[in-house]
Amino acid sequence: MEAAGVGFDLRIPLSTYRRLKGLKEASVLTHLYVREDEQRLFGFATPGERDLFRLILSVSGVGPAIAIACLCALTPQEVAQSIAAGDIRVLQKVKGVGRKLAERLVLELRDRIGRLLQSLGIEDAARLAPANSDGSAAPYAMVPEVSDAVLALVGLGFERKKAENRAEETYRALGGGKSEVDLETLIKECLRTG
């Protein structure tokens, strides 16, 4: 990239490349990644792409290579929707993202993704809830306490489906939806019923 006669090495995701392809001039939003031993400049066509990149970078143990890979393998909307819906299968399509990292992305970003969904033009987050195997909507999939409890149970060795069933049943039994259920109580009750 050249700006005011100075050339810059700029790394961009495929989503930005597609928007800029064929243009002789374009405005690009940038993010300067600085560490003790390196400085890298990343470019983005839209504020939503840059915001998503920065959000992914905020996850512990995630560097710019993974953040840019997310925007290359998936559209910004797919990344944001997957995080909001807790769909780790989609996130695992990104090179370098395994099950544990996908779960960490969901766990750390799910509560902060709402505003970004709106900036990407996705306003109805409720429709992002994953479906059950029979195609019906999973009613508690978008409840952060339930999804966090599922991740905790899976981390403790439960099979995913069993963890999902137990977290949802326990959440319902504790009056979830009618009254507030905190995560610690939910996890304790899930373990007690097992």
C-alpha atoms as a PDB file:
ATOM      1  CA  MET A   1       0.000   0.000   0.000  1.00  0.00           C
ATOM      2  CA  GLU A   2       1.216   3.507  -0.747  1.00  0.00           C
ATOM      3  CA  ALA A   3       0.155   6.573   1.250  1.00  0.00           C
ATOM      4  CA  ALA A   4       1.623  10.044   0.629  1.00  0.00           C
ATOM      5  CA  GLY A   5       4.512   8.522  -1.282  1.00  0.00           C
ATOM      6  CA  VAL A   6       5.415   6.028   1.439  1.00  0.00           C
ATOM      7  CA  GLY A   7       4.964   2.288   0.868  1.00  0.00           C
ATOM      8  CA  PHE A   8       3.612   0.046   3.627  1.00  0.00           C
ATOM      9  CA  ASP A   9       3.506  -3.726   3.934  1.00  0.00           C
ATOM     10  CA  LEU A  10      -0.143  -4.282   4.850  1.00  0.00           C
ATOM     11  CA  ARG A  11      -1.701  -7.641   5.660  1.00  0.00           C
ATOM     12  CA  ILE A  12      -5.381  -7.927   4.838  1.00  0.00           C
ATOM     13  CA  PRO A  13      -8.000 -10.673   5.177  1.00  0.00           C
ATOM     14  CA  LEU A  14      -9.714 -12.167   2.130  1.00  0.00           C
ATOM     15  CA  SER A  15     -12.901 -10.252   2.955  1.00  0.00           C
ATOM     16  CA  THR A  16     -10.998  -6.980   2.502  1.00  0.00           C
ATOM     17  CA  TYR A  17      -9.198  -8.250  -0.611  1.00  0.00           C
ATOM     18  CA  ARG A  18     -12.525  -9.031  -2.267  1.00  0.00           C
ATOM     19  CA  ARG A  19     -13.775  -5.493  -1.614  1.00  0.00           C
ATOM     20  CA  LEU A  20     -10.580  -3.844  -2.860  1.00  0.00           C
ATOM     21  CA  LYS A  21      -9.900  -6.068  -5.862  1.00  0.00           C
ATOM     22  CA  GLY A  22      -9.669  -4.023  -9.055  1.00  0.00           C
ATOM     23  CA  LEU A  23      -9.680  -0.611  -7.324  1.00  0.00           C
ATOM     24  CA  LYS A  24      -6.876   1.820  -8.149  1.00  0.00           C
ATOM     25  CA  GLU A  25      -7.462   3.864  -5.000  1.00  0.00           C
ATOM     26  CA  ALA A  26      -9.146   2.940  -1.746  1.00  0.00           C
ATOM     27  CA  SER A  27      -9.353   3.944   1.878  1.00  0.00           C
ATOM     28  CA  VAL A  28      -8.293   1.262   4.312  1.00  0.00           C
ATOM     29  CA  LEU A  29      -8.714   1.161   8.088  1.00  0.00           C
ATOM     30  CA  THR A  30      -5.592  -0.093   9.835  1.00  0.00           C
ATOM     31  CA  HIS A  31      -4.496  -1.747  13.048  1.00  0.00           C
ATOM     32  CA  LEU A  32      -0.846  -1.590  14.111  1.00  0.00           C
ATOM     33  CA  TYR A  33       0.136  -4.701  16.053  1.00  0.00           C
ATOM     34  CA  VAL A  34       3.160  -3.934  18.232  1.00  0.00           C
ATOM     35  CA  ARG A  35       5.247  -6.353  20.277  1.00  0.00           C
ATOM     36  CA  GLU A  36       8.807  -6.105  21.593  1.00  0.00           C
ATOM     37  CA  ASP A  37      10.267  -7.872  18.588  1.00  0.00           C
ATOM     38  CA  GLU A  38       7.809  -6.983  15.818  1.00  0.00           C
ATOM     39  CA  GLN A  39       5.456  -4.431  14.344  1.00  0.00           C
ATOM     40  CA  ARG A  40       2.857  -5.476  11.779  1.00  0.00           C
ATOM     41  CA  LEU A  41       0.232  -3.422  10.009  1.00  0.00           C
ATOM     42  CA  PHE A  42      -3.162  -4.942   9.195  1.00  0.00           C
ATOM     43  CA  GLY A  43      -5.741  -3.387   6.880  1.00  0.00           C
ATOM     44  CA  PHE A  44      -9.526  -3.668   6.708  1.00  0.00           C
ATOM     45  CA  ALA A  45     -12.172  -2.435   4.296  1.00  0.00           C
ATOM     46  CA  THR A  46     -14.842  -1.841   6.958  1.00  0.00           C
ATOM     47  CA  PRO A  47     -14.984  -0.811  10.618  1.00  0.00           C
ATOM     48  CA  GLY A  48     -16.823  -4.083  11.393  1.00  0.00           C
ATOM     49  CA  GLU A  49     -13.929  -6.182  10.060  1.00  0.00           C
ATOM     50  CA  ARG A  50     -11.387  -4.214  12.076  1.00  0.00           C
ATOM     51  CA  ASP A  51     -13.536  -4.350  15.226  1.00  0.00           C
ATOM     52  CA  LEU A  52     -13.935  -8.111  14.877  1.00  0.00           C
ATOM     53  CA  PHE A  53     -10.167  -8.533  14.359  1.00  0.00           C
ATOM     54  CA  ARG A  54      -9.492  -6.503  17.521  1.00  0.00           C
ATOM     55  CA  LEU A  55     -12.113  -8.437  19.471  1.00  0.00           C
ATOM     56  CA  ILE A  56     -10.577 -11.779  18.490  1.00  0.00           C
ATOM     57  CA  LEU A  57      -7.120 -10.444  19.429  1.00  0.00           C
ATOM     58  CA  SER A  58      -8.418  -9.687  22.926  1.00  0.00           C
ATOM     59  CA  VAL A  59      -8.855 -13.412  23.660  1.00  0.00           C
ATOM     60  CA  SER A  60      -6.052 -14.819  25.801  1.00  0.00           C
ATOM     61  CA  GLY A  61      -3.521 -16.744  23.746  1.00  0.00           C
ATOM     62  CA  VAL A  62      -4.764 -15.476  20.370  1.00  0.00           C
ATOM     63  CA  GLY A  63      -2.392 -13.585  18.096  1.00  0.00           C
ATOM     64  CA  PRO A  64      -2.878 -11.777  14.797  1.00  0.00           C
ATOM     65  CA  ALA A  65      -2.288 -14.929  12.721  1.00  0.00           C
ATOM     66  CA  ILE A  66      -5.398 -16.604  14.168  1.00  0.00           C
ATOM     67  CA  ALA A  67      -7.429 -13.372  14.083  1.00  0.00           C
ATOM     68  CA  ILE A  68      -6.661 -12.789  10.394  1.00  0.00           C
ATOM     69  CA  ALA A  69      -7.199 -16.499   9.614  1.00  0.00           C
ATOM     70  CA  CYS A  70     -10.723 -16.219  11.057  1.00  0.00           C
ATOM     71  CA  LEU A  71     -11.476 -13.418   8.588  1.00  0.00           C
ATOM     72  CA  CYS A  72      -9.962 -15.370   5.705  1.00  0.00           C
ATOM     73  CA  ALA A  73     -11.710 -18.692   6.299  1.00  0.00           C
ATOM     74  CA  LEU A  74     -15.115 -17.202   7.179  1.00  0.00           C
ATOM     75  CA  THR A  75     -16.954 -13.973   6.468  1.00  0.00           C
ATOM     76  CA  PRO A  76     -17.045 -11.481   9.351  1.00  0.00           C
ATOM     77  CA  GLN A  77     -20.763 -12.245   9.693  1.00  0.00           C
ATOM     78  CA  GLU A  78     -20.101 -16.002   9.953  1.00  0.00           C
ATOM     79  CA  VAL A  79     -17.450 -15.473  12.625  1.00  0.00           C
ATOM     80  CA  ALA A  80     -19.684 -13.162  14.673  1.00  0.00           C
ATOM     81  CA  GLN A  81     -22.743 -15.403  14.278  1.00  0.00           C
ATOM     82  CA  SER A  82     -20.776 -18.499  15.284  1.00  0.00           C
ATOM     83  CA  ILE A  83     -19.522 -16.805  18.431  1.00  0.00           C
ATOM     84  CA  ALA A  84     -22.981 -15.484  19.310  1.00  0.00           C
ATOM     85  CA  ALA A  85     -24.599 -18.881  18.728  1.00  0.00           C
ATOM     86  CA  GLY A  86     -21.814 -20.816  20.448  1.00  0.00           C
ATOM     87  CA  ASP A  87     -21.274 -22.863  17.286  1.00  0.00           C
ATOM     88  CA  ILE A  88     -17.733 -24.107  17.744  1.00  0.00           C
ATOM     89  CA  ARG A  89     -17.969 -26.447  14.715  1.00  0.00           C
ATOM     90  CA  VAL A  90     -17.947 -23.461  12.364  1.00  0.00           C
ATOM     91  CA  LEU A  91     -15.037 -21.828  14.198  1.00  0.00           C
ATOM     92  CA  GLN A  92     -13.035 -25.053  13.934  1.00  0.00           C
ATOM     93  CA  LYS A  93     -13.005 -24.622  10.137  1.00  0.00           C
ATOM     94  CA  VAL A  94     -10.373 -21.912  10.665  1.00  0.00           C
ATOM     95  CA  LYS A  95      -6.807 -23.177  10.261  1.00  0.00           C
ATOM     96  CA  GLY A  96      -5.162 -23.265  13.684  1.00  0.00           C
ATOM     97  CA  VAL A  97      -8.428 -23.250  15.657  1.00  0.00           C
ATOM     98  CA  GLY A  98      -9.082 -26.498  17.476  1.00  0.00           C
ATOM     99  CA  ARG A  99     -11.931 -27.386  19.801  1.00  0.00           C
ATOM    100  CA  LYS A 100     -10.396 -25.809  22.914  1.00  0.00           C
ATOM    101  CA  LEU A 101      -9.579 -22.528  21.196  1.00  0.00           C
ATOM    102  CA  ALA A 102     -13.028 -22.391  19.588  1.00  0.00           C
ATOM    103  CA  GLU A 103     -14.608 -22.905  23.021  1.00  0.00           C
ATOM    104  CA  ARG A 104     -12.389 -20.153  24.479  1.00  0.00           C
ATOM    105  CA  LEU A 105     -13.402 -17.754  21.695  1.00  0.00           C
ATOM    106  CA  VAL A 106     -17.073 -18.385  22.459  1.00  0.00           C
ATOM    107  CA  LEU A 107     -16.594 -18.225  26.224  1.00  0.00           C
ATOM    108  CA  GLU A 108     -14.623 -14.964  26.208  1.00  0.00           C
ATOM    109  CA  LEU A 109     -16.432 -13.143  23.384  1.00  0.00           C
ATOM    110  CA  ARG A 110     -20.079 -14.198  23.505  1.00  0.00           C
ATOM    111  CA  ASP A 111     -21.114 -11.463  25.949  1.00  0.00           C
ATOM    112  CA  ARG A 112     -19.251  -8.772  23.971  1.00  0.00           C
ATOM    113  CA  ILE A 113     -20.327  -9.661  20.436  1.00  0.00           C
ATOM    114  CA  GLY A 114     -23.799  -8.028  20.464  1.00  0.00           C
ATOM    115  CA  ARG A 115     -22.784  -4.510  19.410  1.00  0.00           C
ATOM    116  CA  LEU A 116     -20.536  -5.917  16.705  1.00  0.00           C
ATOM    117  CA  LEU A 117     -23.397  -8.013  15.301  1.00  0.00           C
ATOM    118  CA  GLN A 118     -25.374  -4.806  14.793  1.00  0.00           C
ATOM    119  CA  SER A 119     -22.458  -3.054  13.065  1.00  0.00           C
ATOM    120  CA  LEU A 120     -22.208  -6.052  10.712  1.00  0.00           C
ATOM    121  CA  GLY A 121     -25.921  -5.749   9.941  1.00  0.00           C
ATOM    122  CA  ILE A 122     -27.089  -8.674  12.078  1.00  0.00           C
ATOM    123  CA  GLU A 123     -29.670  -7.344  14.477  1.00  0.00           C
ATOM    124  CA  ASP A 124     -31.736 -10.363  15.489  1.00  0.00           C
ATOM    125  CA  ALA A 125     -29.294 -12.382  17.582  1.00  0.00           C
ATOM    126  CA  ALA A 126     -32.067 -14.689  18.797  1.00  0.00           C
ATOM    127  CA  ARG A 127     -32.316 -16.274  15.352  1.00  0.00           C
ATOM    128  CA  LEU A 128     -28.690 -17.368  15.673  1.00  0.00           C
ATOM    129  CA  ALA A 129     -29.502 -20.024  18.246  1.00  0.00           C
ATOM    130  CA  PRO A 130     -28.391 -23.440  17.029  1.00  0.00           C
ATOM    131  CA  ALA A 131     -31.111 -25.966  16.329  1.00  0.00           C
ATOM    132  CA  ASN A 132     -31.618 -29.309  18.031  1.00  0.00           C
ATOM    133  CA  SER A 133     -30.988 -32.468  16.012  1.00  0.00           C
ATOM    134  CA  ASP A 134     -34.706 -32.665  15.161  1.00  0.00           C
ATOM    135  CA  GLY A 135     -34.585 -29.142  13.667  1.00  0.00           C
ATOM    136  CA  SER A 136     -36.444 -27.411  16.497  1.00  0.00           C
ATOM    137  CA  ALA A 137     -34.937 -24.326  18.095  1.00  0.00           C
ATOM    138  CA  ALA A 138     -32.725 -24.910  21.104  1.00  0.00           C
ATOM    139  CA  PRO A 139     -34.522 -22.672  23.614  1.00  0.00           C
ATOM    140  CA  TYR A 140     -31.686 -22.089  26.044  1.00  0.00           C
ATOM    141  CA  ALA A 141     -28.781 -22.054  23.595  1.00  0.00           C
ATOM    142  CA  MET A 142     -28.507 -18.261  23.680  1.00  0.00           C
ATOM    143  CA  VAL A 143     -28.562 -17.998  27.490  1.00  0.00           C
ATOM    144  CA  PRO A 144     -24.945 -17.182  28.438  1.00  0.00           C
ATOM    145  CA  GLU A 145     -25.151 -19.039  31.771  1.00  0.00           C
ATOM    146  CA  VAL A 146     -26.308 -22.238  30.040  1.00  0.00           C
ATOM    147  CA  SER A 147     -23.660 -22.113  27.315  1.00  0.00           C
ATOM    148  CA  ASP A 148     -20.942 -21.316  29.879  1.00  0.00           C
ATOM    149  CA  ALA A 149     -22.131 -24.201  32.078  1.00  0.00           C
ATOM    150  CA  VAL A 150     -21.964 -26.526  29.058  1.00  0.00           C
ATOM    151  CA  LEU A 151     -18.364 -25.469  28.381  1.00  0.00           C
ATOM    152  CA  ALA A 152     -17.496 -26.018  32.056  1.00  0.00           C
ATOM    153  CA  LEU A 153     -19.071 -29.490  32.066  1.00  0.00           C
ATOM    154  CA  VAL A 154     -17.307 -30.456  28.830  1.00  0.00           C
ATOM    155  CA  GLY A 155     -14.055 -29.239  30.412  1.00  0.00           C
ATOM    156  CA  LEU A 156     -14.756 -31.575  33.337  1.00  0.00           C
ATOM    157  CA  GLY A 157     -15.092 -34.547  30.988  1.00  0.00           C
ATOM    158  CA  PHE A 158     -18.818 -34.707  30.171  1.00  0.00           C
ATOM    159  CA  GLU A 159     -19.865 -35.604  26.624  1.00  0.00           C
ATOM    160  CA  ARG A 160     -21.123 -32.476  24.876  1.00  0.00           C
ATOM    161  CA  LYS A 161     -24.718 -33.666  24.311  1.00  0.00           C
ATOM    162  CA  LYS A 162     -25.026 -34.871  27.902  1.00  0.00           C
ATOM    163  CA  ALA A 163     -23.605 -31.566  29.155  1.00  0.00           C
ATOM    164  CA  GLU A 164     -26.098 -29.594  27.026  1.00  0.00           C
ATOM    165  CA  ASN A 165     -29.053 -31.661  28.264  1.00  0.00           C
ATOM    166  CA  ARG A 166     -27.982 -31.455  31.892  1.00  0.00           C
ATOM    167  CA  ALA A 167     -27.334 -27.679  31.777  1.00  0.00           C
ATOM    168  CA  GLU A 168     -30.688 -26.963  30.102  1.00  0.00           C
ATOM    169  CA  GLU A 169     -32.664 -29.242  32.453  1.00  0.00           C
ATOM    170  CA  THR A 170     -30.968 -27.789  35.530  1.00  0.00           C
ATOM    171  CA  TYR A 171     -31.475 -24.221  34.291  1.00  0.00           C
ATOM    172  CA  ARG A 172     -35.205 -24.936  33.845  1.00  0.00           C
ATOM    173  CA  ALA A 173     -35.434 -26.632  37.276  1.00  0.00           C
ATOM    174  CA  LEU A 174     -33.844 -23.570  38.918  1.00  0.00           C
ATOM    175  CA  GLY A 175     -36.493 -21.322  37.354  1.00  0.00           C
ATOM    176  CA  GLY A 176     -34.329 -19.980  34.543  1.00  0.00           C
ATOM    177  CA  GLY A 177     -36.192 -17.571  32.310  1.00  0.00           C
ATOM    178  CA  LYS A 178     -38.497 -16.576  35.169  1.00  0.00           C
ATOM    179  CA  SER A 179     -35.776 -15.656  37.643  1.00  0.00           C
ATOM    180  CA  GLU A 180     -32.044 -15.041  37.463  1.00  0.00           C
ATOM    181  CA  VAL A 181     -29.764 -18.061  37.748  1.00  0.00           C
ATOM    182  CA  ASP A 182     -26.086 -17.379  38.351  1.00  0.00           C
ATOM    183  CA  LEU A 183     -23.441 -19.520  36.643  1.00  0.00           C
ATOM    184  CA  GLU A 184     -21.839 -20.871  39.827  1.00  0.00           C
ATOM    185  CA  THR A 185     -25.170 -22.152  41.176  1.00  0.00           C
ATOM    186  CA  LEU A 186     -26.032 -23.667  37.801  1.00  0.00           C
ATOM    187  CA  ILE A 187     -22.742 -25.577  37.558  1.00  0.00           C
ATOM    188  CA  LYS A 188     -22.975 -26.820  41.166  1.00  0.00           C
ATOM    189  CA  GLU A 189     -26.513 -28.084  40.595  1.00  0.00           C
ATOM    190  CA  CYS A 190     -25.490 -29.749  37.311  1.00  0.00           C
ATOM    191  CA  LEU A 191     -22.759 -31.644  39.154  1.00  0.00           C
ATOM    192  CA  ARG A 192     -25.049 -32.501  42.073  1.00  0.00           C
ATOM    193  CA  THR A 193     -27.693 -34.054  39.823  1.00  0.00           C
ATOM    194  CA  GLY A 194     -25.127 -36.266  38.132  1.00  0.00           C
END
